[in-house]
Amino acid sequence: VSAIANGSLENYPASNAIDGDINTHWFGNPSENYPKWIYFDLGENRCVNSVNLTIFILDSPLLFKLEISEDAQTWDDLSNEVTIKSGEDYAIVSFNAKYGRYVRVLELSGKRPQGVLSEISVASSSLLSFDGNQISLKVLDSKTSVPLKNVQFKLKEKNSLIQEDKTSSEGKIIISN
C-alpha cells in the first residue's frame, strides 16, 4: 500500500497515515484551501467495504467523505459526508462493498487549515474480482484458507449472472438485488 496526497506540510508526509503509528500524522498544506485529499493505492483492484481512520486530537471536528477508483482519475463515492467529532478515536465507516484499487479520503472542512490523517486501514478482499462483464470468485477451504477453486460468472443482462464454470457443485451462491 502506498499513500499520495495533494500536498503535505514539511515532515508530515502522506506515508505517515499508513505507518501503523497513531502518533505520526499526514498534514496537508495549510496555505491551500479545502478540499484536501489523500489516497491509498491498494496494489490491485479489491472489494472494499469499510475504512477505519483516526485524526490528531487537535484537529477535530473534521468533515470528509470516502471515494474509490480503479484508475485514480475517476472517483465514485463510498460514503456520504462523515464528521469525526473526537480526535484520537477511530472512526469506522462501513458501506456496501465496491470494487477498486484506490481509496481516497476527501476532506471537506476541518478545525485547522492543513487537513489531517493520523492512521487509516481499509477492509478489503481480493477474493472477488470484476472485469466489466465477468465476476470471478475464489472459493477458500474454511479451515486452511487455501484457494480451492475459482468460480466465474458472466453478466447475462442487467442484474443477472450465469455461472460460466459448471463443475462447481459444493455449495450455492445466491445473487439478489
Protein backbone atom coordinates (compact mmCIF):
# COMPACT_ATOMS: atom_id res chain seq x y z
CA VAL A 1 0.00 0.00 0.00
CA SER A 2 1.22 3.48 -0.80
CA ALA A 3 -0.17 6.94 0.01
CA ILE A 4 -0.39 10.06 -2.17
CA ALA A 5 -1.74 13.48 -1.15
CA ASN A 6 -2.46 16.76 -2.89
CA GLY A 7 0.00 18.49 -0.55
CA SER A 8 1.93 17.94 2.65
CA LEU A 9 3.33 20.03 5.45
CA GLU A 10 7.08 19.54 5.79
CA ASN A 11 7.97 16.45 7.88
CA TYR A 12 4.35 15.16 7.74
CA PRO A 13 4.18 13.09 4.51
CA ALA A 14 1.20 11.05 3.30
CA SER A 15 3.06 7.83 4.19
CA ASN A 16 2.61 8.65 7.90
CA ALA A 17 -1.08 7.71 7.54
CA ILE A 18 -0.16 4.08 6.81
CA ASP A 19 2.90 3.53 9.01
CA GLY A 20 0.96 1.81 11.83
CA ASP A 21 1.77 4.60 14.32
CA ILE A 22 -1.16 6.69 15.57
CA ASN A 23 1.33 9.31 16.84
CA THR A 24 2.56 10.24 13.35
CA HIS A 25 0.33 12.22 11.03
CA TRP A 26 -0.15 13.39 7.48
CA PHE A 27 -0.80 17.13 7.47
CA GLY A 28 -1.87 18.81 4.24
CA ASN A 29 -0.57 22.16 3.07
CA PRO A 30 -2.17 24.85 5.31
CA SER A 31 -1.80 27.53 2.60
CA GLU A 32 -4.17 25.62 0.27
CA ASN A 33 -7.94 25.76 0.75
CA TYR A 34 -10.18 22.76 1.38
CA PRO A 35 -10.91 20.25 -0.02
CA LYS A 36 -7.74 18.33 0.85
CA TRP A 37 -7.26 14.75 -0.27
CA ILE A 38 -5.10 11.75 0.41
CA TYR A 39 -5.47 8.47 -1.42
CA PHE A 40 -4.16 4.97 -0.98
CA ASP A 41 -3.06 2.52 -3.67
CA LEU A 42 -4.10 -0.97 -2.56
CA GLY A 43 -1.82 -2.51 -5.21
CA GLU A 44 -4.64 -4.28 -7.06
CA ASN A 45 -8.39 -4.00 -7.52
CA ARG A 46 -10.10 -5.14 -4.34
CA CYS A 47 -13.60 -5.36 -2.93
CA VAL A 48 -13.73 -2.64 -0.20
CA ASN A 49 -16.46 -2.49 2.47
CA SER A 50 -15.16 -0.37 5.35
CA VAL A 51 -12.47 2.08 6.35
CA ASN A 52 -11.11 2.78 9.84
CA LEU A 53 -9.36 6.10 10.38
CA THR A 54 -8.25 8.45 13.09
CA ILE A 55 -7.08 12.06 13.25
CA PHE A 56 -4.91 14.13 15.59
CA ILE A 57 -6.79 15.23 18.72
CA LEU A 58 -6.41 18.96 17.98
CA ASP A 59 -7.94 18.63 14.51
CA SER A 60 -11.48 17.55 15.34
CA PRO A 61 -14.08 18.06 14.10
CA LEU A 62 -13.23 17.04 10.53
CA LEU A 63 -15.77 16.64 7.72
CA PHE A 64 -14.87 14.20 4.92
CA LYS A 65 -16.18 11.60 2.52
CA LEU A 66 -14.62 8.41 1.15
CA GLU A 67 -14.19 7.64 -2.54
CA ILE A 68 -12.94 4.71 -4.65
CA SER A 69 -11.38 4.45 -8.10
CA GLU A 70 -9.90 1.85 -10.42
CA ASP A 71 -7.55 4.38 -12.10
CA ALA A 72 -7.00 7.25 -9.57
CA GLN A 73 -8.66 9.61 -12.08
CA THR A 74 -12.41 8.97 -11.86
CA TRP A 75 -13.78 8.66 -8.32
CA ASP A 76 -17.04 7.16 -7.02
CA ASP A 77 -18.47 7.77 -3.56
CA LEU A 78 -18.05 5.08 -0.91
CA SER A 79 -19.74 7.12 1.80
CA ASN A 80 -21.83 10.19 2.40
CA GLU A 81 -20.24 13.04 4.32
CA VAL A 82 -18.90 11.91 7.71
CA THR A 83 -17.77 14.01 10.67
CA ILE A 84 -15.10 12.86 13.11
CA LYS A 85 -16.03 14.67 16.30
CA SER A 86 -13.20 13.45 18.53
CA GLY A 87 -9.54 13.10 17.59
CA GLU A 88 -7.54 10.01 18.54
CA ASP A 89 -10.71 7.86 18.36
CA TYR A 90 -11.07 5.53 15.40
CA ALA A 91 -13.96 6.30 13.07
CA ILE A 92 -15.24 3.18 11.37
CA VAL A 93 -17.10 3.91 8.15
CA SER A 94 -18.92 0.92 6.64
CA PHE A 95 -20.72 0.82 3.31
CA ASN A 96 -21.91 -1.54 0.59
CA ALA A 97 -18.84 -3.18 -0.93
CA LYS A 98 -17.41 -1.52 -4.02
CA TYR A 99 -14.57 -2.54 -6.26
CA GLY A 100 -11.41 -0.51 -6.92
CA ARG A 101 -7.68 -0.14 -6.42
CA TYR A 102 -7.53 3.36 -4.90
CA VAL A 103 -9.34 4.66 -1.80
CA ARG A 104 -9.42 8.42 -1.20
CA VAL A 105 -10.25 10.46 1.88
CA LEU A 106 -11.63 13.77 0.59
CA GLU A 107 -11.53 16.25 3.47
CA LEU A 108 -14.17 18.95 3.00
CA SER A 109 -13.56 21.11 6.09
CA GLY A 110 -11.66 20.96 9.33
CA LYS A 111 -10.87 22.82 12.53
CA ARG A 112 -7.40 23.82 11.32
CA PRO A 113 -6.37 24.79 7.77
CA GLN A 114 -3.96 21.96 6.98
CA GLY A 115 -6.13 18.83 6.83
CA VAL A 116 -5.01 15.73 8.71
CA LEU A 117 -4.99 11.95 8.87
CA SER A 118 -3.15 10.04 11.59
CA GLU A 119 -3.85 6.44 10.55
CA ILE A 120 -6.07 4.51 8.15
CA SER A 121 -6.88 0.88 7.45
CA VAL A 122 -9.04 -0.37 4.59
CA ALA A 123 -11.08 -3.57 4.92
CA SER A 124 -10.92 -5.27 1.56
CA SER A 125 -10.73 -8.60 -0.19
CA SER A 126 -9.22 -9.79 -3.43
CA LEU A 127 -11.44 -12.89 -3.34
CA LEU A 128 -13.96 -11.23 -5.65
CA SER A 129 -12.98 -9.53 -8.91
CA PHE A 130 -14.92 -7.95 -11.74
CA ASP A 131 -13.58 -7.06 -15.21
CA GLY A 132 -16.68 -5.37 -16.67
CA ASN A 133 -18.59 -8.45 -17.81
CA GLN A 134 -17.29 -11.33 -15.71
CA ILE A 135 -17.13 -11.88 -11.96
CA SER A 136 -14.54 -14.25 -10.51
CA LEU A 137 -14.90 -15.63 -7.01
CA LYS A 138 -12.15 -17.51 -5.18
CA VAL A 139 -13.54 -20.28 -3.01
CA LEU A 140 -11.38 -20.97 0.06
CA ASP A 141 -11.12 -24.01 2.31
CA SER A 142 -12.82 -22.92 5.55
CA LYS A 143 -10.11 -24.48 7.75
CA THR A 144 -6.90 -23.68 5.88
CA SER A 145 -7.93 -20.63 3.78
CA VAL A 146 -6.25 -22.29 0.80
CA PRO A 147 -7.96 -21.46 -2.51
CA LEU A 148 -9.95 -24.47 -3.72
CA LYS A 149 -11.41 -23.16 -6.93
CA ASN A 150 -12.09 -20.07 -8.98
CA VAL A 151 -15.76 -19.81 -9.94
CA GLN A 152 -16.64 -17.46 -12.79
CA PHE A 153 -19.90 -15.81 -13.73
CA LYS A 154 -20.74 -13.73 -16.79
CA LEU A 155 -23.24 -10.90 -16.94
CA LYS A 156 -26.25 -12.14 -18.85
CA GLU A 157 -28.21 -8.93 -18.62
CA LYS A 158 -28.54 -6.17 -16.05
CA ASN A 159 -28.61 -7.70 -12.53
CA SER A 160 -28.44 -11.26 -13.89
CA LEU A 161 -25.47 -13.63 -13.87
CA ILE A 162 -24.91 -17.03 -15.38
CA GLN A 163 -22.32 -19.41 -13.99
CA GLU A 164 -19.58 -19.94 -16.55
CA ASP A 165 -17.88 -22.86 -14.77
CA LYS A 166 -20.47 -25.61 -14.27
CA THR A 167 -18.09 -28.03 -12.50
CA SER A 168 -18.54 -26.47 -9.06
CA SER A 169 -21.14 -28.38 -7.08
CA GLU A 170 -20.05 -27.87 -3.46
CA GLY A 171 -22.37 -25.12 -2.28
CA LYS A 172 -24.62 -22.49 -3.64
CA ILE A 173 -24.22 -18.79 -4.42
CA ILE A 174 -27.38 -16.71 -4.35
CA ILE A 175 -27.34 -13.34 -6.05
CA SER A 176 -30.18 -10.95 -5.43
CA ASN A 177 -30.86 -7.26 -5.63
